[in-house]
Amino acid sequence: MTGNLYIVSAPSGAGKSSLVRALLEGDPHLRLSVSYTTRPPRPGEEDGVHYHFVTREAFLEMLGQGAFLESAEVYGNHYGTSQPWIEAELGRGHDVLLEIDWQGATQVRRIFPAAIGIYILPPSLEELERRLRDRGQDSAEVIARRLAAAREDMTHGLEYDYLVVNERFDLALADLRAIVRARRLAVDRQQVELADLLHRLIDPQASPTRAPDARSG
C-alpha cells in the first residue's frame, strides 16, 4: 500500500519547524523529506539532518538532471526535494512529510494530486514579528522583508486542505496529529489494512471464530 504524502507550509516564524519536529518524534511511521539547499547552515543545523547543504553549482546540476520533485528560490537561495527518495519511501508504504513553501506545494500537487496540504498560521502579525525578533538571527531590515513576504505567503493558505493556527504549541501539535490519524483511518486505506477483518465481518461464507462459552471450564 502506498504511503500518504503530507505537505506542511507556513510563513517564516510561524513555528512550522518546531511543530514538524515534535510530530515526527511522536510518530515512527512518518518520514521527513530532507531538502537540498544552497543556503549556509544556521547555528545548530546539521548536514543531512536539517538540510542537505550543497553548492549552487551542485544544485543546478541536480536540477538539470531532473532530480527534484519541486524546487524554488527563496531569498536568493535554492531549495529542492529529491523525487527518487520520495517515490521510494511512498512505495514502501511509509508516510512522508514535506516541509516546503507554497510554490513547492503547487509543483508537488501536479505530480501527486492526492498530497495532503497543511498550512500553519500565526495567531497575529504582531506575534509573528515577535517570534522573528526572538530568533536573534536577522537584522531589522531582514525581519521587515520577512514580514512583508509572510503576508503575501499567507494569501496561499486557502489552497491547502487544512489550516492550523499555532497560538498554543500543544494544541497546534494535537491538530497535526489528528489530521495524520484521520487520514490513516480513511476508507480507501482501511479497506486494505483491514481486508481480512472486513472479509470475516461481511462475507456470509466466511467461518466466524466461535467465542469461548463463558459457562465452560
N, C-alpha and C. Protein backbone atom coordinates (compact mmCIF):
# COMPACT_ATOMS: atom_id res chain seq x y z
N MET A 1 0.85 -1.19 0.00
CA MET A 1 0.00 0.00 0.00
C MET A 1 0.89 1.24 0.00
N THR A 2 0.58 2.17 -0.88
CA THR A 2 1.36 3.39 -0.98
C THR A 2 1.10 4.29 0.22
N GLY A 3 2.16 4.94 0.71
CA GLY A 3 2.03 5.83 1.86
C GLY A 3 1.36 7.15 1.51
N ASN A 4 1.00 7.90 2.54
CA ASN A 4 0.44 9.24 2.38
C ASN A 4 1.57 10.26 2.23
N LEU A 5 1.33 11.27 1.42
CA LEU A 5 2.28 12.36 1.25
C LEU A 5 1.67 13.62 1.84
N TYR A 6 2.33 14.19 2.85
CA TYR A 6 1.85 15.40 3.52
C TYR A 6 2.75 16.58 3.14
N ILE A 7 2.12 17.71 2.89
CA ILE A 7 2.85 18.95 2.64
C ILE A 7 2.52 19.92 3.78
N VAL A 8 3.55 20.41 4.46
CA VAL A 8 3.34 21.37 5.55
C VAL A 8 4.06 22.67 5.17
N SER A 9 3.30 23.76 5.13
CA SER A 9 3.85 25.06 4.77
C SER A 9 3.45 26.09 5.81
N ALA A 10 4.18 27.20 5.82
CA ALA A 10 3.89 28.28 6.76
C ALA A 10 4.77 29.47 6.43
N PRO A 11 4.37 30.67 6.84
CA PRO A 11 5.27 31.81 6.69
C PRO A 11 6.42 31.68 7.69
N SER A 12 7.54 32.28 7.38
CA SER A 12 8.70 32.24 8.27
C SER A 12 8.33 32.79 9.64
N GLY A 13 8.64 32.02 10.69
CA GLY A 13 8.36 32.46 12.05
C GLY A 13 7.08 31.92 12.65
N ALA A 14 6.31 31.15 11.89
CA ALA A 14 5.04 30.62 12.38
C ALA A 14 5.22 29.41 13.30
N GLY A 15 6.43 28.86 13.35
CA GLY A 15 6.68 27.72 14.24
C GLY A 15 6.58 26.38 13.56
N LYS A 16 6.61 26.38 12.24
CA LYS A 16 6.45 25.14 11.46
C LYS A 16 7.50 24.09 11.81
N SER A 17 8.75 24.48 11.84
CA SER A 17 9.83 23.51 12.05
C SER A 17 9.72 22.83 13.42
N SER A 18 9.39 23.60 14.45
CA SER A 18 9.25 23.02 15.79
C SER A 18 8.08 22.05 15.85
N LEU A 19 6.98 22.40 15.20
CA LEU A 19 5.81 21.51 15.18
C LEU A 19 6.10 20.23 14.42
N VAL A 20 6.75 20.36 13.28
CA VAL A 20 7.08 19.18 12.48
C VAL A 20 8.02 18.27 13.24
N ARG A 21 9.00 18.85 13.91
CA ARG A 21 9.95 18.04 14.68
C ARG A 21 9.24 17.25 15.78
N ALA A 22 8.33 17.90 16.49
CA ALA A 22 7.58 17.22 17.55
C ALA A 22 6.66 16.15 16.99
N LEU A 23 6.05 16.42 15.83
CA LEU A 23 5.18 15.44 15.18
C LEU A 23 5.97 14.20 14.80
N LEU A 24 7.14 14.38 14.24
CA LEU A 24 7.98 13.26 13.82
C LEU A 24 8.46 12.44 15.01
N GLU A 25 8.82 13.12 16.09
CA GLU A 25 9.32 12.42 17.28
C GLU A 25 8.27 11.49 17.87
N GLY A 26 7.00 11.84 17.71
CA GLY A 26 5.94 11.02 18.30
C GLY A 26 5.28 10.07 17.32
N ASP A 27 5.82 9.98 16.09
CA ASP A 27 5.19 9.12 15.08
C ASP A 27 6.27 8.40 14.28
N PRO A 28 6.62 7.18 14.67
CA PRO A 28 7.68 6.44 13.98
C PRO A 28 7.33 6.03 12.56
N HIS A 29 6.07 6.15 12.17
CA HIS A 29 5.64 5.75 10.83
C HIS A 29 5.69 6.91 9.83
N LEU A 30 6.14 8.07 10.29
CA LEU A 30 6.19 9.25 9.44
C LEU A 30 7.65 9.59 9.13
N ARG A 31 7.95 9.80 7.85
CA ARG A 31 9.31 10.12 7.40
C ARG A 31 9.36 11.57 6.94
N LEU A 32 10.45 12.26 7.27
CA LEU A 32 10.64 13.63 6.82
C LEU A 32 11.55 13.66 5.60
N SER A 33 11.12 14.32 4.57
CA SER A 33 11.98 14.54 3.42
C SER A 33 12.96 15.66 3.74
N VAL A 34 14.24 15.36 3.64
CA VAL A 34 15.28 16.37 3.91
C VAL A 34 15.62 17.06 2.59
N SER A 35 15.32 18.34 2.51
CA SER A 35 15.52 19.09 1.27
C SER A 35 16.99 19.42 1.04
N TYR A 36 17.29 19.67 -0.22
CA TYR A 36 18.60 20.19 -0.60
C TYR A 36 18.51 21.71 -0.64
N THR A 37 19.58 22.38 -0.22
CA THR A 37 19.59 23.85 -0.26
C THR A 37 20.99 24.39 -0.49
N THR A 38 21.03 25.58 -1.06
CA THR A 38 22.31 26.25 -1.28
C THR A 38 22.60 27.27 -0.18
N ARG A 39 21.67 27.47 0.73
CA ARG A 39 21.94 28.46 1.80
C ARG A 39 22.89 27.86 2.82
N PRO A 40 23.68 28.71 3.51
CA PRO A 40 24.62 28.20 4.52
C PRO A 40 23.86 27.70 5.76
N PRO A 41 24.43 26.75 6.48
CA PRO A 41 23.77 26.25 7.70
C PRO A 41 23.65 27.34 8.76
N ARG A 42 22.54 27.31 9.48
CA ARG A 42 22.37 28.18 10.64
C ARG A 42 22.97 27.50 11.86
N PRO A 43 23.22 28.24 12.92
CA PRO A 43 23.79 27.62 14.13
C PRO A 43 22.97 26.43 14.60
N GLY A 44 23.64 25.29 14.81
CA GLY A 44 22.97 24.09 15.30
C GLY A 44 22.44 23.18 14.21
N GLU A 45 22.43 23.63 12.97
CA GLU A 45 21.93 22.79 11.88
C GLU A 45 23.01 21.80 11.42
N GLU A 46 22.57 20.59 11.07
CA GLU A 46 23.48 19.54 10.64
C GLU A 46 23.16 19.11 9.22
N ASP A 47 24.20 18.88 8.45
CA ASP A 47 24.02 18.41 7.08
C ASP A 47 23.42 17.01 7.09
N GLY A 48 22.39 16.81 6.28
CA GLY A 48 21.73 15.52 6.21
C GLY A 48 20.63 15.35 7.23
N VAL A 49 20.56 16.24 8.19
CA VAL A 49 19.51 16.17 9.23
C VAL A 49 18.49 17.27 8.99
N HIS A 50 18.95 18.51 8.97
CA HIS A 50 18.04 19.63 8.73
C HIS A 50 17.90 19.90 7.22
N TYR A 51 19.00 19.86 6.51
CA TYR A 51 19.05 20.01 5.05
C TYR A 51 20.26 19.25 4.53
N HIS A 52 20.24 18.99 3.21
CA HIS A 52 21.45 18.59 2.51
C HIS A 52 22.04 19.90 1.96
N PHE A 53 23.12 20.36 2.57
CA PHE A 53 23.71 21.63 2.16
C PHE A 53 24.67 21.40 0.99
N VAL A 54 24.38 22.03 -0.15
CA VAL A 54 25.19 21.84 -1.35
C VAL A 54 25.53 23.20 -1.96
N THR A 55 26.51 23.19 -2.86
CA THR A 55 26.88 24.43 -3.54
C THR A 55 25.83 24.76 -4.60
N ARG A 56 25.84 25.98 -5.03
CA ARG A 56 24.92 26.39 -6.09
C ARG A 56 25.16 25.59 -7.37
N GLU A 57 26.43 25.34 -7.66
CA GLU A 57 26.76 24.59 -8.87
C GLU A 57 26.22 23.16 -8.80
N ALA A 58 26.39 22.52 -7.64
CA ALA A 58 25.89 21.15 -7.47
C ALA A 58 24.38 21.10 -7.56
N PHE A 59 23.72 22.10 -6.98
CA PHE A 59 22.26 22.14 -7.02
C PHE A 59 21.76 22.27 -8.45
N LEU A 60 22.34 23.19 -9.20
CA LEU A 60 21.90 23.42 -10.57
C LEU A 60 22.16 22.20 -11.45
N GLU A 61 23.21 21.46 -11.15
CA GLU A 61 23.48 20.23 -11.90
C GLU A 61 22.39 19.19 -11.62
N MET A 62 22.01 19.04 -10.33
CA MET A 62 20.93 18.11 -9.99
C MET A 62 19.62 18.55 -10.62
N LEU A 63 19.38 19.83 -10.63
CA LEU A 63 18.15 20.37 -11.23
C LEU A 63 18.09 20.02 -12.71
N GLY A 64 19.22 20.17 -13.40
CA GLY A 64 19.27 19.85 -14.82
C GLY A 64 19.07 18.38 -15.10
N GLN A 65 19.39 17.52 -14.13
CA GLN A 65 19.22 16.08 -14.28
C GLN A 65 17.81 15.61 -13.93
N GLY A 66 16.95 16.55 -13.51
CA GLY A 66 15.57 16.21 -13.16
C GLY A 66 15.45 15.47 -11.84
N ALA A 67 16.38 15.75 -10.91
CA ALA A 67 16.40 15.02 -9.64
C ALA A 67 15.40 15.55 -8.62
N PHE A 68 14.80 16.73 -8.88
CA PHE A 68 13.94 17.34 -7.88
C PHE A 68 12.46 17.21 -8.23
N LEU A 69 11.68 16.82 -7.22
CA LEU A 69 10.23 16.80 -7.34
C LEU A 69 9.70 18.22 -7.43
N GLU A 70 10.32 19.09 -6.65
CA GLU A 70 9.99 20.51 -6.67
C GLU A 70 11.23 21.28 -6.29
N SER A 71 11.30 22.53 -6.72
CA SER A 71 12.42 23.39 -6.35
C SER A 71 11.95 24.83 -6.37
N ALA A 72 12.64 25.66 -5.61
CA ALA A 72 12.27 27.07 -5.53
C ALA A 72 13.47 27.89 -5.11
N GLU A 73 13.42 29.16 -5.43
CA GLU A 73 14.44 30.11 -4.98
C GLU A 73 13.79 31.05 -3.99
N VAL A 74 14.32 31.09 -2.77
CA VAL A 74 13.76 31.92 -1.70
C VAL A 74 14.88 32.75 -1.09
N TYR A 75 14.71 34.07 -1.11
CA TYR A 75 15.72 34.99 -0.57
C TYR A 75 17.10 34.73 -1.17
N GLY A 76 17.13 34.39 -2.46
CA GLY A 76 18.39 34.19 -3.14
C GLY A 76 19.01 32.82 -2.98
N ASN A 77 18.36 31.95 -2.22
CA ASN A 77 18.87 30.58 -2.03
C ASN A 77 17.94 29.58 -2.69
N HIS A 78 18.51 28.47 -3.17
CA HIS A 78 17.73 27.44 -3.85
C HIS A 78 17.38 26.30 -2.88
N TYR A 79 16.18 25.74 -3.05
CA TYR A 79 15.71 24.61 -2.26
C TYR A 79 15.10 23.58 -3.20
N GLY A 80 15.28 22.29 -2.90
CA GLY A 80 14.72 21.26 -3.75
C GLY A 80 14.48 19.97 -3.00
N THR A 81 13.49 19.19 -3.46
CA THR A 81 13.11 17.91 -2.84
C THR A 81 13.45 16.77 -3.79
N SER A 82 14.11 15.76 -3.26
CA SER A 82 14.52 14.61 -4.07
C SER A 82 13.32 13.77 -4.49
N GLN A 83 13.05 13.69 -5.79
CA GLN A 83 11.92 12.89 -6.28
C GLN A 83 12.16 11.39 -6.13
N PRO A 84 13.35 10.85 -6.46
CA PRO A 84 13.56 9.41 -6.29
C PRO A 84 13.36 8.94 -4.85
N TRP A 85 13.81 9.74 -3.88
CA TRP A 85 13.67 9.35 -2.48
C TRP A 85 12.19 9.31 -2.07
N ILE A 86 11.44 10.33 -2.48
CA ILE A 86 10.01 10.40 -2.14
C ILE A 86 9.28 9.20 -2.72
N GLU A 87 9.50 8.92 -3.97
CA GLU A 87 8.80 7.81 -4.62
C GLU A 87 9.14 6.47 -3.98
N ALA A 88 10.42 6.30 -3.59
CA ALA A 88 10.83 5.04 -2.96
C ALA A 88 10.17 4.87 -1.59
N GLU A 89 10.12 5.92 -0.79
CA GLU A 89 9.52 5.84 0.54
C GLU A 89 8.02 5.59 0.47
N LEU A 90 7.34 6.28 -0.43
CA LEU A 90 5.90 6.06 -0.58
C LEU A 90 5.63 4.63 -1.07
N GLY A 91 6.49 4.15 -1.96
CA GLY A 91 6.33 2.80 -2.47
C GLY A 91 6.49 1.74 -1.39
N ARG A 92 7.28 2.05 -0.36
CA ARG A 92 7.46 1.13 0.76
C ARG A 92 6.30 1.20 1.75
N GLY A 93 5.33 2.09 1.49
CA GLY A 93 4.19 2.23 2.38
C GLY A 93 4.41 3.21 3.51
N HIS A 94 5.51 3.96 3.46
CA HIS A 94 5.79 4.94 4.50
C HIS A 94 5.06 6.25 4.23
N ASP A 95 4.56 6.89 5.26
CA ASP A 95 4.02 8.24 5.14
C ASP A 95 5.20 9.21 5.11
N VAL A 96 5.14 10.18 4.20
CA VAL A 96 6.24 11.14 4.02
C VAL A 96 5.72 12.55 4.21
N LEU A 97 6.50 13.37 4.89
CA LEU A 97 6.14 14.76 5.14
C LEU A 97 7.13 15.67 4.43
N LEU A 98 6.60 16.61 3.67
CA LEU A 98 7.42 17.63 3.01
C LEU A 98 7.22 18.96 3.73
N GLU A 99 8.29 19.55 4.17
CA GLU A 99 8.25 20.86 4.82
C GLU A 99 8.74 21.89 3.80
N ILE A 100 7.81 22.40 2.99
CA ILE A 100 8.16 23.26 1.87
C ILE A 100 7.22 24.46 1.80
N ASP A 101 7.55 25.42 0.92
CA ASP A 101 6.71 26.61 0.80
C ASP A 101 5.60 26.38 -0.22
N TRP A 102 4.75 27.40 -0.39
CA TRP A 102 3.56 27.24 -1.24
C TRP A 102 3.93 27.03 -2.70
N GLN A 103 5.07 27.60 -3.13
CA GLN A 103 5.49 27.41 -4.51
C GLN A 103 5.82 25.93 -4.76
N GLY A 104 6.57 25.35 -3.82
CA GLY A 104 6.90 23.94 -3.93
C GLY A 104 5.66 23.07 -3.84
N ALA A 105 4.73 23.46 -2.97
CA ALA A 105 3.50 22.68 -2.81
C ALA A 105 2.72 22.63 -4.12
N THR A 106 2.69 23.74 -4.84
CA THR A 106 1.98 23.77 -6.12
C THR A 106 2.62 22.81 -7.12
N GLN A 107 3.94 22.76 -7.13
CA GLN A 107 4.65 21.85 -8.04
C GLN A 107 4.39 20.39 -7.66
N VAL A 108 4.39 20.10 -6.35
CA VAL A 108 4.20 18.73 -5.90
C VAL A 108 2.82 18.23 -6.27
N ARG A 109 1.79 19.07 -6.12
CA ARG A 109 0.42 18.65 -6.41
C ARG A 109 0.21 18.29 -7.88
N ARG A 110 1.02 18.85 -8.76
CA ARG A 110 0.90 18.49 -10.18
C ARG A 110 1.28 17.03 -10.40
N ILE A 111 2.22 16.53 -9.62
CA ILE A 111 2.69 15.15 -9.77
C ILE A 111 1.96 14.22 -8.81
N PHE A 112 1.66 14.72 -7.59
CA PHE A 112 0.95 13.94 -6.58
C PHE A 112 -0.32 14.70 -6.18
N PRO A 113 -1.37 14.65 -7.00
CA PRO A 113 -2.59 15.41 -6.68
C PRO A 113 -3.26 14.98 -5.38
N ALA A 114 -2.96 13.76 -4.90
CA ALA A 114 -3.57 13.29 -3.66
C ALA A 114 -2.80 13.75 -2.42
N ALA A 115 -1.73 14.51 -2.61
CA ALA A 115 -0.96 15.00 -1.46
C ALA A 115 -1.85 15.82 -0.54
N ILE A 116 -1.63 15.69 0.76
CA ILE A 116 -2.46 16.34 1.78
C ILE A 116 -1.75 17.60 2.26
N GLY A 117 -2.35 18.76 2.01
CA GLY A 117 -1.72 20.04 2.34
C GLY A 117 -2.18 20.60 3.68
N ILE A 118 -1.21 21.00 4.49
CA ILE A 118 -1.48 21.60 5.81
C ILE A 118 -0.75 22.94 5.87
N TYR A 119 -1.47 24.00 6.14
CA TYR A 119 -0.85 25.33 6.24
C TYR A 119 -0.95 25.82 7.68
N ILE A 120 0.19 26.26 8.23
CA ILE A 120 0.25 26.72 9.62
C ILE A 120 0.28 28.25 9.66
N LEU A 121 -0.64 28.81 10.41
CA LEU A 121 -0.76 30.26 10.55
C LEU A 121 -0.31 30.73 11.93
N PRO A 122 0.23 31.94 12.03
CA PRO A 122 0.47 32.54 13.35
C PRO A 122 -0.83 33.12 13.87
N PRO A 123 -0.94 33.36 15.18
CA PRO A 123 -2.19 33.93 15.70
C PRO A 123 -2.39 35.40 15.34
N SER A 124 -1.29 36.11 15.00
CA SER A 124 -1.39 37.52 14.61
C SER A 124 -0.07 37.95 13.98
N LEU A 125 -0.09 39.07 13.27
CA LEU A 125 1.13 39.61 12.69
C LEU A 125 2.09 40.08 13.78
N GLU A 126 1.52 40.61 14.87
CA GLU A 126 2.36 41.08 15.98
C GLU A 126 3.14 39.93 16.61
N GLU A 127 2.47 38.80 16.78
CA GLU A 127 3.13 37.63 17.34
C GLU A 127 4.17 37.08 16.37
N LEU A 128 3.87 37.13 15.11
CA LEU A 128 4.83 36.66 14.10
C LEU A 128 6.10 37.52 14.14
N GLU A 129 5.94 38.83 14.25
CA GLU A 129 7.10 39.71 14.32
C GLU A 129 7.91 39.44 15.58
N ARG A 130 7.22 39.21 16.70
CA ARG A 130 7.94 38.93 17.95
C ARG A 130 8.77 37.66 17.83
N ARG A 131 8.21 36.64 17.23
CA ARG A 131 8.94 35.38 17.07
C ARG A 131 10.16 35.56 16.18
N LEU A 132 10.02 36.33 15.12
CA LEU A 132 11.16 36.58 14.24
C LEU A 132 12.25 37.33 14.96
N ARG A 133 11.87 38.32 15.79
CA ARG A 133 12.88 39.09 16.53
C ARG A 133 13.55 38.22 17.60
N ASP A 134 12.80 37.35 18.23
CA ASP A 134 13.36 36.50 19.28
C ASP A 134 14.37 35.50 18.76
N ARG A 135 14.32 35.21 17.48
CA ARG A 135 15.34 34.32 16.91
C ARG A 135 16.74 34.89 17.07
N GLY A 136 16.83 36.22 16.96
CA GLY A 136 18.13 36.87 17.10
C GLY A 136 19.08 36.57 15.96
N GLN A 137 18.54 36.20 14.80
CA GLN A 137 19.39 35.81 13.68
C GLN A 137 19.37 36.82 12.53
N ASP A 138 18.36 37.70 12.51
CA ASP A 138 18.19 38.59 11.37
C ASP A 138 18.21 40.05 11.80
N SER A 139 18.64 40.90 10.88
CA SER A 139 18.62 42.34 11.13
C SER A 139 17.19 42.86 11.02
N ALA A 140 16.99 44.10 11.47
CA ALA A 140 15.66 44.70 11.39
C ALA A 140 15.18 44.78 9.95
N GLU A 141 16.10 45.04 9.03
CA GLU A 141 15.75 45.13 7.62
C GLU A 141 15.27 43.77 7.09
N VAL A 142 15.98 42.70 7.48
CA VAL A 142 15.60 41.36 7.03
C VAL A 142 14.25 40.96 7.63
N ILE A 143 14.02 41.31 8.90
CA ILE A 143 12.75 40.98 9.54
C ILE A 143 11.60 41.69 8.84
N ALA A 144 11.80 42.97 8.50
CA ALA A 144 10.75 43.72 7.79
C ALA A 144 10.45 43.06 6.45
N ARG A 145 11.49 42.59 5.79
CA ARG A 145 11.30 41.92 4.50
C ARG A 145 10.56 40.60 4.68
N ARG A 146 10.89 39.87 5.74
CA ARG A 146 10.23 38.59 6.00
C ARG A 146 8.75 38.80 6.34
N LEU A 147 8.43 39.84 7.08
CA LEU A 147 7.03 40.12 7.42
C LEU A 147 6.22 40.46 6.17
N ALA A 148 6.81 41.24 5.28
CA ALA A 148 6.12 41.59 4.04
C ALA A 148 5.89 40.32 3.20
N ALA A 149 6.90 39.47 3.16
CA ALA A 149 6.77 38.22 2.41
C ALA A 149 5.74 37.30 3.05
N ALA A 150 5.66 37.34 4.40
CA ALA A 150 4.72 36.47 5.12
C ALA A 150 3.28 36.82 4.77
N ARG A 151 2.99 38.09 4.64
CA ARG A 151 1.62 38.49 4.31
C ARG A 151 1.24 37.99 2.93
N GLU A 152 2.17 38.05 2.00
CA GLU A 152 1.93 37.52 0.66
C GLU A 152 1.79 36.00 0.72
N ASP A 153 2.66 35.37 1.49
CA ASP A 153 2.66 33.91 1.62
C ASP A 153 1.32 33.41 2.15
N MET A 154 0.79 34.08 3.15
CA MET A 154 -0.44 33.61 3.80
C MET A 154 -1.67 33.72 2.91
N THR A 155 -1.58 34.46 1.82
CA THR A 155 -2.71 34.51 0.89
C THR A 155 -2.90 33.17 0.19
N HIS A 156 -1.91 32.31 0.26
CA HIS A 156 -1.99 30.99 -0.38
C HIS A 156 -2.48 29.91 0.59
N GLY A 157 -2.76 30.27 1.82
CA GLY A 157 -3.19 29.28 2.80
C GLY A 157 -4.46 28.55 2.43
N LEU A 158 -5.36 29.24 1.73
CA LEU A 158 -6.65 28.63 1.37
C LEU A 158 -6.51 27.61 0.24
N GLU A 159 -5.32 27.47 -0.32
CA GLU A 159 -5.08 26.46 -1.35
C GLU A 159 -4.83 25.09 -0.74
N TYR A 160 -4.69 25.03 0.57
CA TYR A 160 -4.37 23.79 1.27
C TYR A 160 -5.64 23.09 1.76
N ASP A 161 -5.47 21.87 2.25
CA ASP A 161 -6.62 21.10 2.74
C ASP A 161 -6.97 21.45 4.18
N TYR A 162 -5.95 21.85 4.97
CA TYR A 162 -6.17 22.13 6.40
C TYR A 162 -5.43 23.41 6.79
N LEU A 163 -6.04 24.17 7.70
CA LEU A 163 -5.40 25.34 8.30
C LEU A 163 -5.24 25.09 9.80
N VAL A 164 -4.04 25.28 10.32
CA VAL A 164 -3.76 25.09 11.74
C VAL A 164 -3.15 26.39 12.28
N VAL A 165 -3.75 26.95 13.33
CA VAL A 165 -3.23 28.18 13.94
C VAL A 165 -2.31 27.79 15.09
N ASN A 166 -1.07 28.23 15.03
CA ASN A 166 -0.10 27.92 16.07
C ASN A 166 -0.06 29.05 17.10
N GLU A 167 -1.11 29.09 17.93
CA GLU A 167 -1.12 30.04 19.05
C GLU A 167 -0.58 29.36 20.30
N ARG A 168 -1.12 28.18 20.59
CA ARG A 168 -0.57 27.33 21.66
C ARG A 168 0.04 26.10 21.01
N PHE A 169 1.32 25.90 21.29
CA PHE A 169 2.06 24.83 20.62
C PHE A 169 1.40 23.47 20.82
N ASP A 170 0.98 23.17 22.05
CA ASP A 170 0.42 21.84 22.32
C ASP A 170 -0.87 21.59 21.54
N LEU A 171 -1.70 22.63 21.40
CA LEU A 171 -2.94 22.46 20.65
C LEU A 171 -2.68 22.33 19.15
N ALA A 172 -1.72 23.11 18.64
CA ALA A 172 -1.39 23.02 17.22
C ALA A 172 -0.80 21.64 16.90
N LEU A 173 0.01 21.11 17.80
CA LEU A 173 0.58 19.78 17.60
C LEU A 173 -0.51 18.72 17.63
N ALA A 174 -1.47 18.86 18.53
CA ALA A 174 -2.60 17.93 18.59
C ALA A 174 -3.40 17.98 17.30
N ASP A 175 -3.55 19.17 16.73
CA ASP A 175 -4.27 19.30 15.45
C ASP A 175 -3.54 18.55 14.34
N LEU A 176 -2.22 18.68 14.28
CA LEU A 176 -1.44 17.97 13.27
C LEU A 176 -1.58 16.46 13.42
N ARG A 177 -1.48 16.00 14.65
CA ARG A 177 -1.61 14.55 14.89
C ARG A 177 -3.00 14.05 14.50
N ALA A 178 -4.02 14.87 14.74
CA ALA A 178 -5.39 14.48 14.39
C ALA A 178 -5.55 14.35 12.88
N ILE A 179 -4.93 15.24 12.13
CA ILE A 179 -5.01 15.19 10.67
C ILE A 179 -4.37 13.91 10.15
N VAL A 180 -3.18 13.61 10.66
CA VAL A 180 -2.47 12.40 10.22
C VAL A 180 -3.25 11.15 10.59
N ARG A 181 -3.78 11.12 11.81
CA ARG A 181 -4.53 9.96 12.28
C ARG A 181 -5.81 9.76 11.46
N ALA A 182 -6.52 10.86 11.20
CA ALA A 182 -7.77 10.76 10.44
C ALA A 182 -7.52 10.24 9.03
N ARG A 183 -6.42 10.70 8.42
CA ARG A 183 -6.14 10.23 7.06
C ARG A 183 -5.85 8.73 7.05
N ARG A 184 -5.19 8.22 8.07
CA ARG A 184 -4.89 6.79 8.13
C ARG A 184 -6.15 5.95 8.35
N LEU A 185 -7.21 6.57 8.86
CA LEU A 185 -8.46 5.85 9.11
C LEU A 185 -9.44 5.97 7.95
N ALA A 186 -9.05 6.66 6.89
CA ALA A 186 -9.95 6.83 5.74
C ALA A 186 -10.26 5.47 5.11
N VAL A 187 -11.46 5.37 4.53
CA VAL A 187 -11.94 4.10 3.99
C VAL A 187 -10.99 3.54 2.93
N ASP A 188 -10.47 4.38 2.05
CA ASP A 188 -9.62 3.86 0.97
C ASP A 188 -8.37 3.17 1.49
N ARG A 189 -7.93 3.57 2.69
CA ARG A 189 -6.77 2.92 3.29
C ARG A 189 -7.17 1.77 4.20
N GLN A 190 -8.23 1.95 4.96
CA GLN A 190 -8.66 0.92 5.89
C GLN A 190 -9.16 -0.34 5.17
N GLN A 191 -9.71 -0.19 3.99
CA GLN A 191 -10.18 -1.37 3.28
C GLN A 191 -9.02 -2.27 2.86
N VAL A 192 -7.81 -1.71 2.79
CA VAL A 192 -6.61 -2.51 2.53
C VAL A 192 -6.05 -3.06 3.83
N GLU A 193 -5.92 -2.19 4.83
CA GLU A 193 -5.37 -2.60 6.11
C GLU A 193 -6.25 -3.65 6.79
N LEU A 194 -7.55 -3.50 6.66
CA LEU A 194 -8.49 -4.38 7.37
C LEU A 194 -9.16 -5.39 6.44
N ALA A 195 -8.48 -5.75 5.36
CA ALA A 195 -9.09 -6.64 4.37
C ALA A 195 -9.56 -7.95 4.99
N ASP A 196 -8.72 -8.57 5.83
CA ASP A 196 -9.11 -9.84 6.44
C ASP A 196 -10.29 -9.68 7.38
N LEU A 197 -10.27 -8.65 8.20
CA LEU A 197 -11.36 -8.42 9.14
C LEU A 197 -12.66 -8.14 8.39
N LEU A 198 -12.60 -7.29 7.38
CA LEU A 198 -13.80 -6.97 6.61
C LEU A 198 -14.35 -8.22 5.92
N HIS A 199 -13.47 -9.07 5.46
CA HIS A 199 -13.92 -10.32 4.83
C HIS A 199 -14.70 -11.18 5.82
N ARG A 200 -14.16 -11.28 7.04
CA ARG A 200 -14.82 -12.11 8.05
C ARG A 200 -16.14 -11.49 8.52
N LEU A 201 -16.19 -10.16 8.55
CA LEU A 201 -17.39 -9.48 9.04
C LEU A 201 -18.50 -9.43 8.00
N ILE A 202 -18.12 -9.33 6.75
CA ILE A 202 -19.11 -9.07 5.70
C ILE A 202 -19.46 -10.30 4.88
N ASP A 203 -18.48 -11.15 4.62
CA ASP A 203 -18.72 -12.30 3.75
C ASP A 203 -19.53 -13.36 4.49
N PRO A 204 -20.73 -13.66 4.03
CA PRO A 204 -21.56 -14.65 4.75
C PRO A 204 -20.98 -16.06 4.68
N GLN A 205 -20.08 -16.29 3.73
CA GLN A 205 -19.47 -17.61 3.60
C GLN A 205 -18.27 -17.80 4.50
N ALA A 206 -17.78 -16.68 5.07
CA ALA A 206 -16.61 -16.79 5.96
C ALA A 206 -17.01 -17.48 7.24
N SER A 207 -16.13 -18.29 7.78
CA SER A 207 -16.40 -19.02 9.01
C SER A 207 -16.00 -18.17 10.21
N PRO A 208 -16.96 -17.67 10.97
CA PRO A 208 -16.61 -16.86 12.15
C PRO A 208 -15.94 -17.70 13.21
N THR A 209 -15.03 -17.07 13.89
CA THR A 209 -14.38 -17.74 15.01
C THR A 209 -15.35 -17.77 16.18
N ARG A 210 -15.62 -18.99 16.69
CA ARG A 210 -16.58 -19.11 17.79
C ARG A 210 -15.99 -18.55 19.08
N ALA A 211 -16.72 -17.68 19.73
CA ALA A 211 -16.26 -17.13 21.00
C ALA A 211 -16.36 -18.21 22.05
N PRO A 212 -15.41 -18.25 22.99
CA PRO A 212 -15.47 -19.25 24.04
C PRO A 212 -16.73 -19.12 24.89
N ASP A 213 -17.31 -20.26 25.25
CA ASP A 213 -18.51 -20.27 26.07
C ASP A 213 -18.15 -19.90 27.50
N ALA A 214 -18.75 -18.83 27.98
CA ALA A 214 -18.42 -18.34 29.33
C ALA A 214 -18.79 -19.37 30.41
N ARG A 215 -19.70 -20.32 30.03
CA ARG A 215 -20.12 -21.27 31.04
C ARG A 215 -19.20 -22.49 31.12
N SER A 216 -18.35 -22.62 30.07
CA SER A 216 -17.48 -23.80 30.08
C SER A 216 -16.23 -23.55 30.90
N GLY A 217 -15.55 -24.62 31.31
CA GLY A 217 -14.32 -24.53 32.08
C GLY A 217 -14.59 -24.05 33.46
